[in-house]
C-alpha atoms as a PDB file:
ATOM      1  CA  MET A   1     -49.708  15.965 -10.127  1.00  0.00           C
ATOM      2  CA  ARG A   2     -46.556  16.134  -8.383  1.00  0.00           C
ATOM      3  CA  MET A   3     -45.712  12.669  -6.638  1.00  0.00           C
ATOM      4  CA  LEU A   4     -44.817  11.880 -10.279  1.00  0.00           C
ATOM      5  CA  ILE A   5     -42.072  14.940 -10.591  1.00  0.00           C
ATOM      6  CA  VAL A   6     -40.832  13.947  -6.384  1.00  0.00           C
ATOM      7  CA  LEU A   7     -40.382  11.146  -6.174  1.00  0.00           C
ATOM      8  CA  PRO A   8     -38.575  10.845  -9.856  1.00  0.00           C
ATOM      9  CA  LEU A   9     -36.378  13.977  -7.853  1.00  0.00           C
ATOM     10  CA  ALA A  10     -35.958  12.089  -4.542  1.00  0.00           C
ATOM     11  CA  ALA A  11     -34.506   8.677  -6.731  1.00  0.00           C
ATOM     12  CA  LEU A  12     -31.884  11.262  -8.343  1.00  0.00           C
ATOM     13  CA  ILE A  13     -31.130  12.927  -5.142  1.00  0.00           C
ATOM     14  CA  MET A  14     -30.304   9.477  -3.665  1.00  0.00           C
ATOM     15  CA  CYS A  15     -28.170   8.407  -6.122  1.00  0.00           C
ATOM     16  CA  GLY A  16     -26.390  11.029  -6.294  1.00  0.00           C
ATOM     17  CA  GLY A  17     -23.427   9.449  -3.649  1.00  0.00           C
ATOM     18  CA  CYS A  18     -23.777   6.604  -5.463  1.00  0.00           C
ATOM     19  CA  LYS A  19     -20.903   6.945  -8.143  1.00  0.00           C
ATOM     20  CA  LYS A  20     -18.262   4.414  -7.702  1.00  0.00           C
ATOM     21  CA  PRO A  21     -14.878   6.382  -7.239  1.00  0.00           C
ATOM     22  CA  PRO A  22     -12.230   6.049 -10.671  1.00  0.00           C
ATOM     23  CA  SER A  23     -10.361   2.930 -11.155  1.00  0.00           C
ATOM     24  CA  GLY A  24      -7.657   2.807  -8.756  1.00  0.00           C
ATOM     25  CA  GLU A  25      -9.140   4.718  -6.174  1.00  0.00           C
ATOM     26  CA  ARG A  26     -10.695   4.223  -2.304  1.00  0.00           C
ATOM     27  CA  SER A  27     -14.217   4.592  -1.124  1.00  0.00           C
ATOM     28  CA  ALA A  28     -12.923   5.390   2.730  1.00  0.00           C
ATOM     29  CA  PRO A  29      -8.869   4.552   3.643  1.00  0.00           C
ATOM     30  CA  ILE A  30      -8.746   1.568   5.648  1.00  0.00           C
ATOM     31  CA  VAL A  31      -6.787   1.968   9.699  1.00  0.00           C
ATOM     32  CA  PRO A  32      -5.043   0.390  10.600  1.00  0.00           C
ATOM     33  CA  SER A  33      -5.412  -1.741  13.780  1.00  0.00           C
ATOM     34  CA  ARG A  34      -2.556  -2.420  14.729  1.00  0.00           C
ATOM     35  CA  GLU A  35       1.638  -0.161  14.438  1.00  0.00           C
ATOM     36  CA  ILE A  36       3.751  -0.252  11.565  1.00  0.00           C
ATOM     37  CA  THR A  37       5.977  -1.702  12.548  1.00  0.00           C
ATOM     38  CA  GLN A  38       4.611  -5.013  14.073  1.00  0.00           C
ATOM     39  CA  VAL A  39       2.618  -5.381  10.628  1.00  0.00           C
ATOM     40  CA  MET A  40       6.211  -5.067   9.284  1.00  0.00           C
ATOM     41  CA  ASP A  41       7.473  -8.081  11.491  1.00  0.00           C
ATOM     42  CA  ALA A  42       4.302 -10.142  10.348  1.00  0.00           C
ATOM     43  CA  HIS A  43       5.309 -10.022   6.944  1.00  0.00           C
ATOM     44  CA  VAL A  44       9.008  -9.592   6.496  1.00  0.00           C
ATOM     45  CA  ASP A  45       8.728 -13.177   6.467  1.00  0.00           C
ATOM     46  CA  GLU A  46       6.771 -13.373   2.980  1.00  0.00           C
ATOM     47  CA  LEU A  47       8.079 -10.439   1.694  1.00  0.00           C
ATOM     48  CA  MET A  48      11.902 -11.183   1.204  1.00  0.00           C
ATOM     49  CA  ALA A  49      10.682 -13.976  -0.177  1.00  0.00           C
ATOM     50  CA  ILE A  50       9.180 -12.024  -2.974  1.00  0.00           C
ATOM     51  CA  SER A  51      12.251 -12.414  -5.596  1.00  0.00           C
ATOM     52  CA  GLY A  52      14.697  -8.961  -6.217  1.00  0.00           C
ATOM     53  CA  VAL A  53      13.475  -7.964  -2.165  1.00  0.00           C
ATOM     54  CA  VAL A  54      16.606  -7.914  -0.989  1.00  0.00           C
ATOM     55  CA  GLY A  55      14.667  -5.845   2.466  1.00  0.00           C
ATOM     56  CA  VAL A  56      12.397  -4.521   4.585  1.00  0.00           C
ATOM     57  CA  ALA A  57      12.410  -1.042   6.881  1.00  0.00           C
ATOM     58  CA  ILE A  58      10.127   1.875   7.813  1.00  0.00           C
ATOM     59  CA  GLY A  59      10.158   4.198   5.816  1.00  0.00           C
ATOM     60  CA  ALA A  60       7.999   7.232   4.971  1.00  0.00           C
ATOM     61  CA  LEU A  61       6.332   8.323   2.338  1.00  0.00           C
ATOM     62  CA  ASP A  62       6.890  11.829   0.046  1.00  0.00           C
ATOM     63  CA  ASP A  63       4.367  13.714   2.765  1.00  0.00           C
ATOM     64  CA  GLY A  64       5.770  11.731   6.086  1.00  0.00           C
ATOM     65  CA  THR A  65       3.555   9.390   6.494  1.00  0.00           C
ATOM     66  CA  PRO A  66       5.006   6.405   7.622  1.00  0.00           C
ATOM     67  CA  CYS A  67       5.629   3.148   5.684  1.00  0.00           C
ATOM     68  CA  ILE A  68       6.863   0.283   4.810  1.00  0.00           C
ATOM     69  CA  LEU A  69       9.689   0.046   2.295  1.00  0.00           C
ATOM     70  CA  VAL A  70      10.390  -3.032   0.625  1.00  0.00           C
ATOM     71  CA  LEU A  71      14.131  -2.205  -1.038  1.00  0.00           C
ATOM     72  CA  VAL A  72      14.339  -3.930  -4.231  1.00  0.00           C
ATOM     73  CA  VAL A  73      17.468  -5.343  -6.316  1.00  0.00           C
ATOM     74  CA  ASN A  74      15.361  -3.410 -10.288  1.00  0.00           C
ATOM     75  CA  ASP A  75      12.555  -2.061 -11.206  1.00  0.00           C
ATOM     76  CA  SER A  76      10.642  -4.676 -12.476  1.00  0.00           C
ATOM     77  CA  ALA A  77       7.337  -5.914 -13.726  1.00  0.00           C
ATOM     78  CA  GLY A  78       7.942  -8.752 -11.687  1.00  0.00           C
ATOM     79  CA  ILE A  79       8.922  -6.946  -7.919  1.00  0.00           C
ATOM     80  CA  ARG A  80       6.276  -4.956  -8.337  1.00  0.00           C
ATOM     81  CA  LYS A  81       3.209  -6.887  -9.461  1.00  0.00           C
ATOM     82  CA  SER A  82       4.188  -8.722  -6.399  1.00  0.00           C
ATOM     83  CA  VAL A  83       4.651  -7.216  -3.430  1.00  0.00           C
ATOM     84  CA  PRO A  84       1.293  -4.976  -2.174  1.00  0.00           C
ATOM     85  CA  ARG A  85       0.324  -1.445  -2.492  1.00  0.00           C
ATOM     86  CA  GLU A  86      -0.729  -1.362   1.242  1.00  0.00           C
ATOM     87  CA  ILE A  87      -1.051  -4.157   4.361  1.00  0.00           C
ATOM     88  CA  GLU A  88      -3.158  -4.602   6.783  1.00  0.00           C
ATOM     89  CA  GLY A  89      -3.937  -0.737   6.442  1.00  0.00           C
ATOM     90  CA  HIS A  90      -0.410   0.447   6.044  1.00  0.00           C
ATOM     91  CA  PRO A  91       1.625   2.229   2.743  1.00  0.00           C
ATOM     92  CA  VAL A  92       4.057   0.446   1.251  1.00  0.00           C
ATOM     93  CA  LYS A  93       6.977   1.806  -1.071  1.00  0.00           C
ATOM     94  CA  ILE A  94       9.265   0.571  -3.358  1.00  0.00           C
ATOM     95  CA  GLU A  95      12.733   1.900  -3.614  1.00  0.00           C
ATOM     96  CA  VAL A  96      15.650   0.417  -5.628  1.00  0.00           C
ATOM     97  CA  THR A  97      18.554   0.040  -3.598  1.00  0.00           C
ATOM     98  CA  GLY A  98      20.162  -2.329  -6.119  1.00  0.00           C
ATOM     99  CA  GLU A  99      22.315  -5.094  -4.346  1.00  0.00           C
ATOM    100  CA  ILE A 100      22.753  -5.084  -0.389  1.00  0.00           C
ATOM    101  CA  ARG A 101      26.435  -6.635   0.270  1.00  0.00           C
ATOM    102  CA  PRO A 102      28.073  -5.529   3.866  1.00  0.00           C
ATOM    103  CA  MET A 103      30.659  -3.834   3.907  1.00  0.00           C
ATOM    104  CA  PRO A 104      34.638  -5.621   4.510  1.00  0.00           C
ATOM    105  CA  GLY A 105      34.951  -6.590   8.075  1.00  0.00           C
ATOM    106  CA  ASP A 106      31.762  -6.409   9.228  1.00  0.00           C
ATOM    107  CA  SER A 107      30.760 -10.118  10.898  1.00  0.00           C
ATOM    108  CA  ALA A 108      27.661 -11.565  11.073  1.00  0.00           C
ATOM    109  CA  ARG A 109      25.359 -11.840  13.946  1.00  0.00           C
END
């Protein structure tokens, strides 16, 4: 009789941690294997190839966490869908800057 009570109780206890995280959340953070500058350098060409992206830089999230900053002309659903939320474990932040043009008198190298 005790075995009939103990087995279901043990199963409930073991499965208590079996819940999936809510949609959009991760079960465990990805630990970056490379420094953020190396990751940005490796992915800058593919990010710049996205229509509407005008620059890529290193920035910071509101809490100070370093991130890959993707500068865009405008905030469109197409851009948000095309720019990844993270790259190799580093967060990506989109910042709307508008079009970026060189200042008069500046020469490209």
